[in-house]
Amino acid sequence: MQIKSGMQTVKSSDLAILKVPPCTSPQDAAELCDEFSGFFTAKLKKIADTVISRLSTASAYHRQPVLRHEPCPLEELSEVTDDKVVRLIDSLPAKSCPVDFMPTTMPKSNVYIMAPLISRLTNMSIRNGAFPSALKQGRVTPLLKKPGLLQSDMANYRPIMNLSTISKILEMLALHRLRPHVMSTGNFSLHTEVDIRPKQH
């Protein structure tokens, strides 16, 4: 049983595992899933509204750009190659997400069959500026922020969302295309845009 809200999904099976308020029937579980889904959706909307409001009233942030002899326009992203997909799939851990429509071991064991399909899907997504709707679905798991908090208060939970392995692959491939340009522009802030930095090993 699952309740969907936009791109998010809360499953009643999660609630039994995670020590959330107990449910006595499938109907109670469905109602609780619906409440969690509505609560998290409203919370995200409130955050988005707050950000928009603050940006509309905040003074402009000016950072002196690095002087360059040539501009750094981004007119298009480079094509994703089959070889790049092969290397990425080979580097993935052999674990699957509950929303995966096939186990991660399948593309890993059939990497030369899957790579051309994934590279074509990624390139089509980049060219059209659209991410496949089916891959936007995720599994949302409500977790207590810390032990000892009141389990009946939804404000004490944080939503942990798991995406499918294929959608993660598409995201990483797009990031690999975008990162070199962002890092070369001179307008990149190491203090605020941490998600796009190469990981340090």
N, C-alpha and C. Protein backbone atom coordinates (compact mmCIF):
# COMPACT_ATOMS: atom_id res chain seq x y z
N MET A 1 0.85 -1.19 0.00
CA MET A 1 0.00 0.00 0.00
C MET A 1 0.88 1.24 0.00
N GLN A 2 0.53 2.23 -0.83
CA GLN A 2 1.34 3.42 -0.88
C GLN A 2 0.47 4.62 -1.18
N ILE A 3 0.89 5.74 -0.66
CA ILE A 3 0.20 6.99 -0.90
C ILE A 3 1.16 7.90 -1.64
N LYS A 4 0.71 8.48 -2.76
CA LYS A 4 1.58 9.31 -3.58
C LYS A 4 1.18 10.77 -3.46
N SER A 5 2.17 11.63 -3.47
CA SER A 5 1.94 13.07 -3.51
C SER A 5 3.02 13.69 -4.38
N GLY A 6 2.65 14.08 -5.59
CA GLY A 6 3.65 14.63 -6.51
C GLY A 6 4.66 13.56 -6.86
N MET A 7 5.93 13.83 -6.57
CA MET A 7 7.00 12.90 -6.89
C MET A 7 7.31 11.99 -5.71
N GLN A 8 6.57 12.11 -4.62
CA GLN A 8 6.95 11.40 -3.42
C GLN A 8 5.98 10.27 -3.10
N THR A 9 6.46 9.27 -2.43
CA THR A 9 5.64 8.13 -2.06
C THR A 9 5.96 7.73 -0.63
N VAL A 10 4.91 7.52 0.15
CA VAL A 10 5.07 6.98 1.49
C VAL A 10 4.37 5.65 1.53
N LYS A 11 5.05 4.60 1.93
CA LYS A 11 4.47 3.26 1.96
C LYS A 11 4.13 2.85 3.38
N SER A 12 3.00 2.17 3.51
CA SER A 12 2.59 1.75 4.84
C SER A 12 3.55 0.73 5.41
N SER A 13 4.25 -0.03 4.55
CA SER A 13 5.22 -0.99 5.05
C SER A 13 6.37 -0.30 5.77
N ASP A 14 6.69 0.95 5.35
CA ASP A 14 7.74 1.72 6.03
C ASP A 14 7.34 2.01 7.47
N LEU A 15 6.06 2.30 7.66
CA LEU A 15 5.62 2.75 8.97
C LEU A 15 5.75 1.66 10.01
N ALA A 16 5.59 0.41 9.59
CA ALA A 16 5.70 -0.69 10.54
C ALA A 16 7.14 -0.91 10.96
N ILE A 17 8.09 -0.54 10.09
CA ILE A 17 9.50 -0.77 10.36
C ILE A 17 10.09 0.36 11.20
N LEU A 18 9.56 1.55 11.08
CA LEU A 18 10.25 2.75 11.56
C LEU A 18 9.77 3.28 12.91
N LYS A 19 8.99 2.51 13.63
CA LYS A 19 8.54 2.92 14.96
C LYS A 19 7.73 4.21 14.93
N VAL A 20 6.96 4.40 13.86
CA VAL A 20 6.04 5.52 13.83
C VAL A 20 4.79 5.09 14.57
N PRO A 21 3.84 5.99 14.85
CA PRO A 21 2.66 5.61 15.60
C PRO A 21 2.02 4.34 15.05
N PRO A 22 1.68 3.37 15.90
CA PRO A 22 1.19 2.07 15.44
C PRO A 22 -0.17 2.19 14.75
N CYS A 23 -0.38 1.33 13.76
CA CYS A 23 -1.64 1.28 13.01
C CYS A 23 -2.32 -0.05 13.29
N THR A 24 -3.62 0.00 13.51
CA THR A 24 -4.35 -1.22 13.85
C THR A 24 -4.98 -1.88 12.64
N SER A 25 -5.00 -1.21 11.50
CA SER A 25 -5.63 -1.76 10.30
C SER A 25 -5.00 -1.16 9.07
N PRO A 26 -5.19 -1.80 7.89
CA PRO A 26 -4.68 -1.21 6.65
C PRO A 26 -5.25 0.17 6.39
N GLN A 27 -6.49 0.40 6.78
CA GLN A 27 -7.09 1.72 6.59
C GLN A 27 -6.39 2.78 7.44
N ASP A 28 -6.06 2.41 8.69
CA ASP A 28 -5.32 3.33 9.55
C ASP A 28 -3.95 3.64 8.96
N ALA A 29 -3.30 2.59 8.43
CA ALA A 29 -1.98 2.79 7.82
C ALA A 29 -2.07 3.72 6.62
N ALA A 30 -3.11 3.53 5.80
CA ALA A 30 -3.28 4.39 4.63
C ALA A 30 -3.51 5.84 5.05
N GLU A 31 -4.32 6.04 6.07
CA GLU A 31 -4.58 7.40 6.55
C GLU A 31 -3.31 8.04 7.11
N LEU A 32 -2.52 7.24 7.81
CA LEU A 32 -1.27 7.77 8.36
C LEU A 32 -0.30 8.15 7.25
N CYS A 33 -0.22 7.31 6.22
CA CYS A 33 0.62 7.62 5.05
C CYS A 33 0.16 8.92 4.41
N ASP A 34 -1.15 9.08 4.29
CA ASP A 34 -1.70 10.28 3.68
C ASP A 34 -1.35 11.51 4.52
N GLU A 35 -1.41 11.38 5.84
CA GLU A 35 -1.09 12.50 6.72
C GLU A 35 0.40 12.87 6.61
N PHE A 36 1.27 11.85 6.59
CA PHE A 36 2.70 12.13 6.43
C PHE A 36 2.97 12.82 5.09
N SER A 37 2.33 12.31 4.04
CA SER A 37 2.54 12.88 2.71
C SER A 37 2.10 14.35 2.68
N GLY A 38 0.94 14.63 3.23
CA GLY A 38 0.45 16.00 3.26
C GLY A 38 1.33 16.91 4.11
N PHE A 39 1.81 16.37 5.25
CA PHE A 39 2.65 17.17 6.15
C PHE A 39 3.97 17.53 5.48
N PHE A 40 4.63 16.54 4.86
CA PHE A 40 5.91 16.79 4.22
C PHE A 40 5.76 17.73 3.01
N THR A 41 4.68 17.55 2.24
CA THR A 41 4.44 18.41 1.09
C THR A 41 4.24 19.86 1.53
N ALA A 42 3.45 20.06 2.59
CA ALA A 42 3.22 21.41 3.11
C ALA A 42 4.51 22.01 3.66
N LYS A 43 5.34 21.18 4.28
CA LYS A 43 6.60 21.66 4.83
C LYS A 43 7.54 22.15 3.72
N LEU A 44 7.62 21.39 2.63
CA LEU A 44 8.47 21.79 1.51
C LEU A 44 7.94 23.07 0.86
N LYS A 45 6.62 23.19 0.74
CA LYS A 45 6.04 24.39 0.15
C LYS A 45 6.34 25.61 1.02
N LYS A 46 6.27 25.43 2.33
CA LYS A 46 6.56 26.53 3.24
C LYS A 46 8.01 26.99 3.10
N ILE A 47 8.94 26.01 2.96
CA ILE A 47 10.35 26.35 2.77
C ILE A 47 10.54 27.11 1.46
N ALA A 48 9.90 26.62 0.39
CA ALA A 48 10.03 27.27 -0.92
C ALA A 48 9.47 28.69 -0.87
N ASP A 49 8.33 28.87 -0.23
CA ASP A 49 7.73 30.20 -0.13
C ASP A 49 8.64 31.15 0.67
N THR A 50 9.26 30.62 1.73
CA THR A 50 10.16 31.44 2.54
C THR A 50 11.37 31.88 1.74
N VAL A 51 11.94 30.95 0.97
CA VAL A 51 13.11 31.29 0.13
C VAL A 51 12.76 32.36 -0.89
N ILE A 52 11.61 32.19 -1.56
CA ILE A 52 11.18 33.17 -2.57
C ILE A 52 10.96 34.54 -1.93
N SER A 53 10.34 34.55 -0.77
CA SER A 53 10.08 35.81 -0.07
C SER A 53 11.38 36.52 0.31
N ARG A 54 12.33 35.77 0.84
CA ARG A 54 13.59 36.38 1.26
C ARG A 54 14.41 36.86 0.08
N LEU A 55 14.38 36.09 -1.03
CA LEU A 55 15.13 36.52 -2.21
C LEU A 55 14.55 37.80 -2.80
N SER A 56 13.24 37.96 -2.69
CA SER A 56 12.60 39.14 -3.29
C SER A 56 12.91 40.41 -2.50
N THR A 57 13.31 40.26 -1.25
CA THR A 57 13.59 41.44 -0.42
C THR A 57 15.07 41.62 -0.11
N ALA A 58 15.89 40.61 -0.43
CA ALA A 58 17.32 40.68 -0.11
C ALA A 58 18.04 41.54 -1.13
N SER A 59 19.08 42.19 -0.67
CA SER A 59 19.91 43.00 -1.57
C SER A 59 20.72 42.09 -2.48
N ALA A 60 21.05 42.58 -3.63
CA ALA A 60 21.79 41.78 -4.61
C ALA A 60 23.17 41.42 -4.08
N TYR A 61 23.59 40.18 -4.36
CA TYR A 61 24.91 39.73 -3.93
C TYR A 61 25.87 39.88 -5.11
N HIS A 62 26.94 40.63 -4.89
CA HIS A 62 27.90 40.87 -5.96
C HIS A 62 29.24 40.25 -5.59
N ARG A 63 29.73 39.44 -6.49
CA ARG A 63 31.04 38.82 -6.29
C ARG A 63 31.90 39.15 -7.50
N GLN A 64 33.08 39.63 -7.23
CA GLN A 64 33.97 40.03 -8.32
C GLN A 64 34.36 38.80 -9.13
N PRO A 65 33.97 38.73 -10.40
CA PRO A 65 34.33 37.56 -11.20
C PRO A 65 35.81 37.53 -11.54
N VAL A 66 36.29 36.34 -11.82
CA VAL A 66 37.67 36.19 -12.25
C VAL A 66 37.80 36.74 -13.68
N LEU A 67 38.80 37.60 -13.89
CA LEU A 67 38.99 38.18 -15.20
C LEU A 67 39.50 37.12 -16.17
N ARG A 68 38.84 37.01 -17.32
CA ARG A 68 39.23 36.02 -18.32
C ARG A 68 39.30 36.70 -19.68
N HIS A 69 40.19 36.19 -20.52
CA HIS A 69 40.33 36.74 -21.86
C HIS A 69 39.18 36.32 -22.76
N GLU A 70 38.58 35.17 -22.46
CA GLU A 70 37.49 34.66 -23.29
C GLU A 70 36.29 34.39 -22.39
N PRO A 71 35.07 34.62 -22.91
CA PRO A 71 33.88 34.29 -22.13
C PRO A 71 33.71 32.78 -22.00
N CYS A 72 32.84 32.37 -21.09
CA CYS A 72 32.61 30.94 -20.86
C CYS A 72 31.13 30.60 -21.05
N PRO A 73 30.63 30.77 -22.28
CA PRO A 73 29.20 30.46 -22.49
C PRO A 73 28.96 28.95 -22.46
N LEU A 74 27.78 28.57 -22.03
CA LEU A 74 27.37 27.17 -22.06
C LEU A 74 26.21 27.06 -23.04
N GLU A 75 26.51 26.67 -24.25
CA GLU A 75 25.49 26.58 -25.28
C GLU A 75 24.87 25.20 -25.34
N GLU A 76 25.63 24.19 -25.01
CA GLU A 76 25.10 22.83 -24.99
C GLU A 76 25.99 21.95 -24.15
N LEU A 77 25.40 20.85 -23.65
CA LEU A 77 26.17 19.88 -22.88
C LEU A 77 26.69 18.81 -23.82
N SER A 78 27.87 18.31 -23.55
CA SER A 78 28.45 17.28 -24.41
C SER A 78 27.64 15.99 -24.32
N GLU A 79 27.72 15.22 -25.37
CA GLU A 79 26.98 13.96 -25.43
C GLU A 79 27.53 12.96 -24.42
N VAL A 80 26.62 12.19 -23.83
CA VAL A 80 27.01 11.09 -22.95
C VAL A 80 27.39 9.90 -23.82
N THR A 81 28.54 9.31 -23.56
CA THR A 81 29.01 8.17 -24.35
C THR A 81 28.71 6.86 -23.64
N ASP A 82 28.67 5.80 -24.43
CA ASP A 82 28.45 4.47 -23.86
C ASP A 82 29.57 4.10 -22.89
N ASP A 83 30.79 4.47 -23.22
CA ASP A 83 31.93 4.14 -22.35
C ASP A 83 31.78 4.79 -20.98
N LYS A 84 31.31 6.03 -20.97
CA LYS A 84 31.11 6.72 -19.70
C LYS A 84 30.06 6.00 -18.85
N VAL A 85 28.99 5.55 -19.49
CA VAL A 85 27.94 4.83 -18.77
C VAL A 85 28.47 3.50 -18.24
N VAL A 86 29.27 2.83 -19.03
CA VAL A 86 29.86 1.55 -18.59
C VAL A 86 30.69 1.75 -17.34
N ARG A 87 31.55 2.77 -17.35
CA ARG A 87 32.40 3.03 -16.18
C ARG A 87 31.57 3.39 -14.96
N LEU A 88 30.52 4.16 -15.17
CA LEU A 88 29.67 4.56 -14.05
C LEU A 88 28.93 3.37 -13.46
N ILE A 89 28.36 2.53 -14.31
CA ILE A 89 27.64 1.35 -13.82
C ILE A 89 28.58 0.41 -13.10
N ASP A 90 29.78 0.22 -13.64
CA ASP A 90 30.75 -0.66 -12.99
C ASP A 90 31.14 -0.15 -11.60
N SER A 91 31.08 1.17 -11.39
CA SER A 91 31.49 1.73 -10.11
C SER A 91 30.36 1.69 -9.07
N LEU A 92 29.14 1.37 -9.49
CA LEU A 92 28.02 1.37 -8.55
C LEU A 92 28.12 0.21 -7.56
N PRO A 93 27.73 0.42 -6.31
CA PRO A 93 27.66 -0.69 -5.36
C PRO A 93 26.52 -1.63 -5.76
N ALA A 94 26.67 -2.89 -5.45
CA ALA A 94 25.66 -3.90 -5.83
C ALA A 94 24.52 -3.92 -4.84
N LYS A 95 23.86 -2.77 -4.66
CA LYS A 95 22.69 -2.71 -3.77
C LYS A 95 21.56 -2.01 -4.51
N SER A 96 20.34 -2.38 -4.18
CA SER A 96 19.18 -1.86 -4.88
C SER A 96 18.32 -1.02 -3.95
N CYS A 97 17.51 -0.16 -4.55
CA CYS A 97 16.56 0.67 -3.83
C CYS A 97 15.19 0.00 -3.92
N PRO A 98 14.33 0.17 -2.92
CA PRO A 98 13.00 -0.44 -2.98
C PRO A 98 12.16 -0.04 -4.18
N VAL A 99 12.44 1.12 -4.80
CA VAL A 99 11.65 1.54 -5.96
C VAL A 99 12.27 1.09 -7.28
N ASP A 100 13.39 0.39 -7.24
CA ASP A 100 14.00 -0.11 -8.47
C ASP A 100 13.08 -1.11 -9.16
N PHE A 101 12.90 -0.94 -10.49
CA PHE A 101 12.10 -1.91 -11.23
C PHE A 101 12.93 -3.10 -11.68
N MET A 102 14.24 -3.03 -11.44
CA MET A 102 15.10 -4.18 -11.63
C MET A 102 16.28 -4.04 -10.67
N PRO A 103 16.81 -5.15 -10.19
CA PRO A 103 17.93 -5.07 -9.24
C PRO A 103 19.17 -4.48 -9.90
N THR A 104 19.99 -3.81 -9.10
CA THR A 104 21.20 -3.19 -9.63
C THR A 104 22.15 -4.21 -10.24
N THR A 105 22.09 -5.44 -9.75
CA THR A 105 22.95 -6.48 -10.31
C THR A 105 22.66 -6.75 -11.78
N MET A 106 21.44 -6.46 -12.23
CA MET A 106 21.09 -6.72 -13.64
C MET A 106 21.84 -5.81 -14.60
N PRO A 107 21.77 -4.46 -14.43
CA PRO A 107 22.58 -3.64 -15.34
C PRO A 107 24.08 -3.86 -15.17
N LYS A 108 24.53 -4.22 -13.96
CA LYS A 108 25.95 -4.45 -13.76
C LYS A 108 26.40 -5.70 -14.51
N SER A 109 25.56 -6.72 -14.52
CA SER A 109 25.95 -7.97 -15.19
C SER A 109 25.67 -7.93 -16.69
N ASN A 110 24.89 -6.93 -17.14
CA ASN A 110 24.60 -6.77 -18.57
C ASN A 110 24.95 -5.35 -19.01
N VAL A 111 26.10 -4.89 -18.55
CA VAL A 111 26.45 -3.48 -18.71
C VAL A 111 26.57 -3.07 -20.17
N TYR A 112 27.05 -3.94 -21.04
CA TYR A 112 27.24 -3.54 -22.44
C TYR A 112 25.92 -3.55 -23.22
N ILE A 113 24.88 -4.15 -22.64
CA ILE A 113 23.54 -4.07 -23.23
C ILE A 113 22.82 -2.83 -22.71
N MET A 114 22.99 -2.56 -21.43
CA MET A 114 22.28 -1.45 -20.80
C MET A 114 22.89 -0.10 -21.13
N ALA A 115 24.21 -0.03 -21.29
CA ALA A 115 24.89 1.25 -21.48
C ALA A 115 24.35 2.06 -22.67
N PRO A 116 24.18 1.45 -23.87
CA PRO A 116 23.66 2.24 -24.99
C PRO A 116 22.25 2.77 -24.74
N LEU A 117 21.43 1.99 -24.03
CA LEU A 117 20.06 2.43 -23.74
C LEU A 117 20.07 3.62 -22.78
N ILE A 118 20.91 3.53 -21.75
CA ILE A 118 20.96 4.61 -20.75
C ILE A 118 21.59 5.87 -21.34
N SER A 119 22.63 5.72 -22.15
CA SER A 119 23.25 6.90 -22.76
C SER A 119 22.28 7.59 -23.71
N ARG A 120 21.50 6.81 -24.45
CA ARG A 120 20.51 7.42 -25.36
C ARG A 120 19.42 8.14 -24.57
N LEU A 121 18.95 7.52 -23.49
CA LEU A 121 17.93 8.14 -22.64
C LEU A 121 18.45 9.44 -22.03
N THR A 122 19.70 9.42 -21.56
CA THR A 122 20.29 10.61 -20.95
C THR A 122 20.43 11.73 -21.97
N ASN A 123 20.92 11.42 -23.14
CA ASN A 123 21.11 12.45 -24.17
C ASN A 123 19.77 13.03 -24.62
N MET A 124 18.75 12.19 -24.74
CA MET A 124 17.42 12.70 -25.09
C MET A 124 16.89 13.60 -24.00
N SER A 125 17.11 13.23 -22.75
CA SER A 125 16.64 14.03 -21.62
C SER A 125 17.32 15.40 -21.60
N ILE A 126 18.64 15.42 -21.86
CA ILE A 126 19.39 16.68 -21.87
C ILE A 126 18.96 17.56 -23.04
N ARG A 127 18.81 16.96 -24.22
CA ARG A 127 18.43 17.76 -25.40
C ARG A 127 17.04 18.36 -25.24
N ASN A 128 16.12 17.61 -24.68
CA ASN A 128 14.74 18.07 -24.56
C ASN A 128 14.48 18.86 -23.28
N GLY A 129 15.46 18.83 -22.37
CA GLY A 129 15.27 19.55 -21.11
C GLY A 129 14.18 18.96 -20.26
N ALA A 130 14.01 17.64 -20.32
CA ALA A 130 12.93 16.99 -19.56
C ALA A 130 13.46 15.71 -18.94
N PHE A 131 13.15 15.52 -17.67
CA PHE A 131 13.54 14.30 -16.97
C PHE A 131 12.35 13.33 -17.02
N PRO A 132 12.56 12.05 -17.34
CA PRO A 132 11.45 11.11 -17.45
C PRO A 132 10.58 11.08 -16.19
N SER A 133 9.29 11.28 -16.38
CA SER A 133 8.37 11.36 -15.23
C SER A 133 8.38 10.08 -14.40
N ALA A 134 8.50 8.93 -15.06
CA ALA A 134 8.48 7.66 -14.34
C ALA A 134 9.65 7.54 -13.38
N LEU A 135 10.76 8.24 -13.66
CA LEU A 135 11.94 8.15 -12.81
C LEU A 135 11.94 9.20 -11.71
N LYS A 136 10.90 10.02 -11.64
CA LYS A 136 10.79 11.00 -10.57
C LYS A 136 10.16 10.41 -9.31
N GLN A 137 9.59 9.23 -9.43
CA GLN A 137 8.96 8.60 -8.27
C GLN A 137 10.02 8.11 -7.30
N GLY A 138 9.78 8.33 -6.03
CA GLY A 138 10.71 7.87 -5.00
C GLY A 138 9.95 7.32 -3.82
N ARG A 139 10.68 6.70 -2.93
CA ARG A 139 10.10 6.15 -1.71
C ARG A 139 10.52 7.01 -0.53
N VAL A 140 9.55 7.62 0.12
CA VAL A 140 9.80 8.50 1.24
C VAL A 140 9.64 7.73 2.55
N THR A 141 10.68 7.77 3.37
CA THR A 141 10.68 7.09 4.65
C THR A 141 10.73 8.12 5.77
N PRO A 142 9.72 8.19 6.63
CA PRO A 142 9.77 9.13 7.75
C PRO A 142 10.63 8.59 8.89
N LEU A 143 11.66 9.34 9.26
CA LEU A 143 12.55 8.92 10.34
C LEU A 143 12.55 9.95 11.46
N LEU A 144 12.55 9.48 12.70
CA LEU A 144 12.65 10.38 13.83
C LEU A 144 13.97 11.15 13.77
N LYS A 145 13.92 12.45 14.06
CA LYS A 145 15.12 13.27 14.00
C LYS A 145 16.14 12.85 15.04
N LYS A 146 15.68 12.39 16.18
CA LYS A 146 16.58 11.85 17.19
C LYS A 146 15.79 10.99 18.16
N PRO A 147 16.42 10.00 18.80
CA PRO A 147 15.71 9.12 19.72
C PRO A 147 15.08 9.88 20.88
N GLY A 148 13.93 9.40 21.32
CA GLY A 148 13.28 9.98 22.47
C GLY A 148 12.24 11.03 22.16
N LEU A 149 12.17 11.48 20.90
CA LEU A 149 11.17 12.46 20.53
C LEU A 149 9.78 11.82 20.48
N LEU A 150 8.77 12.63 20.65
CA LEU A 150 7.39 12.14 20.64
C LEU A 150 7.04 11.59 19.26
N GLN A 151 6.68 10.31 19.22
CA GLN A 151 6.44 9.66 17.94
C GLN A 151 5.14 10.10 17.29
N SER A 152 4.22 10.62 18.05
CA SER A 152 2.93 11.02 17.49
C SER A 152 2.95 12.40 16.85
N ASP A 153 4.07 13.14 16.99
CA ASP A 153 4.20 14.48 16.42
C ASP A 153 4.97 14.41 15.11
N MET A 154 4.31 14.69 14.00
CA MET A 154 4.96 14.56 12.69
C MET A 154 6.08 15.57 12.50
N ALA A 155 6.07 16.65 13.28
CA ALA A 155 7.16 17.63 13.18
C ALA A 155 8.48 17.05 13.66
N ASN A 156 8.43 15.91 14.35
CA ASN A 156 9.65 15.27 14.86
C ASN A 156 10.27 14.31 13.84
N TYR A 157 9.70 14.25 12.66
CA TYR A 157 10.20 13.34 11.62
C TYR A 157 10.80 14.13 10.47
N ARG A 158 11.80 13.53 9.82
CA ARG A 158 12.34 14.09 8.59
C ARG A 158 12.11 13.07 7.47
N PRO A 159 11.78 13.56 6.26
CA PRO A 159 11.56 12.65 5.14
C PRO A 159 12.88 12.25 4.48
N ILE A 160 13.12 10.96 4.38
CA ILE A 160 14.29 10.44 3.67
C ILE A 160 13.79 9.82 2.37
N MET A 161 14.23 10.37 1.24
CA MET A 161 13.71 9.91 -0.05
C MET A 161 14.74 9.08 -0.79
N ASN A 162 14.32 7.92 -1.24
CA ASN A 162 15.17 7.03 -2.05
C ASN A 162 14.68 7.04 -3.48
N LEU A 163 15.57 7.35 -4.42
CA LEU A 163 15.26 7.32 -5.83
C LEU A 163 15.76 6.02 -6.44
N SER A 164 15.25 5.70 -7.61
CA SER A 164 15.68 4.49 -8.29
C SER A 164 17.13 4.62 -8.75
N THR A 165 17.78 3.49 -8.93
CA THR A 165 19.18 3.49 -9.37
C THR A 165 19.32 4.15 -10.75
N ILE A 166 18.37 3.89 -11.65
CA ILE A 166 18.45 4.46 -12.99
C ILE A 166 18.37 5.99 -12.94
N SER A 167 17.48 6.53 -12.11
CA SER A 167 17.38 7.99 -12.03
C SER A 167 18.65 8.59 -11.42
N LYS A 168 19.28 7.86 -10.48
CA LYS A 168 20.55 8.34 -9.93
C LYS A 168 21.64 8.34 -11.00
N ILE A 169 21.63 7.33 -11.86
CA ILE A 169 22.62 7.26 -12.94
C ILE A 169 22.45 8.45 -13.88
N LEU A 170 21.21 8.76 -14.27
CA LEU A 170 20.96 9.90 -15.15
C LEU A 170 21.40 11.21 -14.49
N GLU A 171 21.15 11.33 -13.20
CA GLU A 171 21.54 12.54 -12.48
C GLU A 171 23.06 12.70 -12.47
N MET A 172 23.78 11.60 -12.21
CA MET A 172 25.24 11.68 -12.17
C MET A 172 25.82 11.98 -13.54
N LEU A 173 25.24 11.41 -14.59
CA LEU A 173 25.73 11.67 -15.94
C LEU A 173 25.53 13.13 -16.32
N ALA A 174 24.40 13.71 -15.97
CA ALA A 174 24.16 15.13 -16.25
C ALA A 174 25.12 16.01 -15.45
N LEU A 175 25.37 15.62 -14.20
CA LEU A 175 26.28 16.39 -13.36
C LEU A 175 27.70 16.36 -13.91
N HIS A 176 28.12 15.21 -14.42
CA HIS A 176 29.46 15.09 -15.00
C HIS A 176 29.61 15.98 -16.24
N ARG A 177 28.51 16.22 -16.96
CA ARG A 177 28.56 17.10 -18.12
C ARG A 177 28.61 18.57 -17.70
N LEU A 178 27.91 18.89 -16.61
CA LEU A 178 27.77 20.28 -16.18
C LEU A 178 28.95 20.76 -15.34
N ARG A 179 29.52 19.88 -14.53
CA ARG A 179 30.55 20.30 -13.55
C ARG A 179 31.76 20.99 -14.18
N PRO A 180 32.35 20.48 -15.26
CA PRO A 180 33.54 21.15 -15.80
C PRO A 180 33.29 22.61 -16.17
N HIS A 181 32.11 22.90 -16.74
CA HIS A 181 31.82 24.29 -17.10
C HIS A 181 31.69 25.15 -15.85
N VAL A 182 30.94 24.68 -14.87
CA VAL A 182 30.72 25.47 -13.66
C VAL A 182 32.05 25.75 -12.95
N MET A 183 32.92 24.74 -12.89
CA MET A 183 34.20 24.90 -12.20
C MET A 183 35.14 25.84 -12.95
N SER A 184 34.92 26.07 -14.25
CA SER A 184 35.83 26.88 -15.05
C SER A 184 35.39 28.33 -15.18
N THR A 185 34.20 28.68 -14.71
CA THR A 185 33.68 30.02 -14.95
C THR A 185 34.26 31.09 -14.05
N GLY A 186 34.75 30.69 -12.88
CA GLY A 186 35.24 31.68 -11.93
C GLY A 186 34.15 32.24 -11.04
N ASN A 187 32.92 31.81 -11.25
CA ASN A 187 31.79 32.29 -10.45
C ASN A 187 31.30 31.24 -9.46
N PHE A 188 32.11 30.24 -9.23
CA PHE A 188 31.71 29.13 -8.37
C PHE A 188 32.15 29.40 -6.94
N SER A 189 31.24 29.23 -6.00
CA SER A 189 31.53 29.46 -4.59
C SER A 189 31.70 28.13 -3.88
N LEU A 190 32.87 27.89 -3.32
CA LEU A 190 33.13 26.65 -2.59
C LEU A 190 32.34 26.60 -1.29
N HIS A 191 31.84 27.73 -0.82
CA HIS A 191 31.18 27.77 0.47
C HIS A 191 29.68 27.52 0.38
N THR A 192 29.08 27.74 -0.78
CA THR A 192 27.62 27.63 -0.87
C THR A 192 27.14 26.56 -1.83
N GLU A 193 27.93 26.19 -2.84
CA GLU A 193 27.45 25.25 -3.84
C GLU A 193 28.22 23.93 -3.71
N VAL A 194 28.07 23.30 -2.56
CA VAL A 194 28.90 22.14 -2.26
C VAL A 194 28.48 20.90 -3.04
N ASP A 195 27.23 20.84 -3.50
CA ASP A 195 26.74 19.62 -4.12
C ASP A 195 27.41 19.32 -5.46
N ILE A 196 27.97 20.33 -6.11
CA ILE A 196 28.51 20.10 -7.45
C ILE A 196 30.02 19.92 -7.43
N ARG A 197 30.64 20.05 -6.28
CA ARG A 197 32.08 19.90 -6.22
C ARG A 197 32.50 18.45 -6.37
N PRO A 198 33.62 18.17 -7.00
CA PRO A 198 34.14 16.80 -7.01
C PRO A 198 34.44 16.35 -5.59
N LYS A 199 34.12 15.13 -5.28
CA LYS A 199 34.36 14.62 -3.93
C LYS A 199 35.85 14.43 -3.70
N GLN A 200 36.26 14.79 -2.49
CA GLN A 200 37.68 14.64 -2.13
C GLN A 200 37.91 13.24 -1.58
N HIS A 201 38.94 12.58 -2.05
CA HIS A 201 39.28 11.22 -1.58
C HIS A 201 40.61 11.23 -0.85
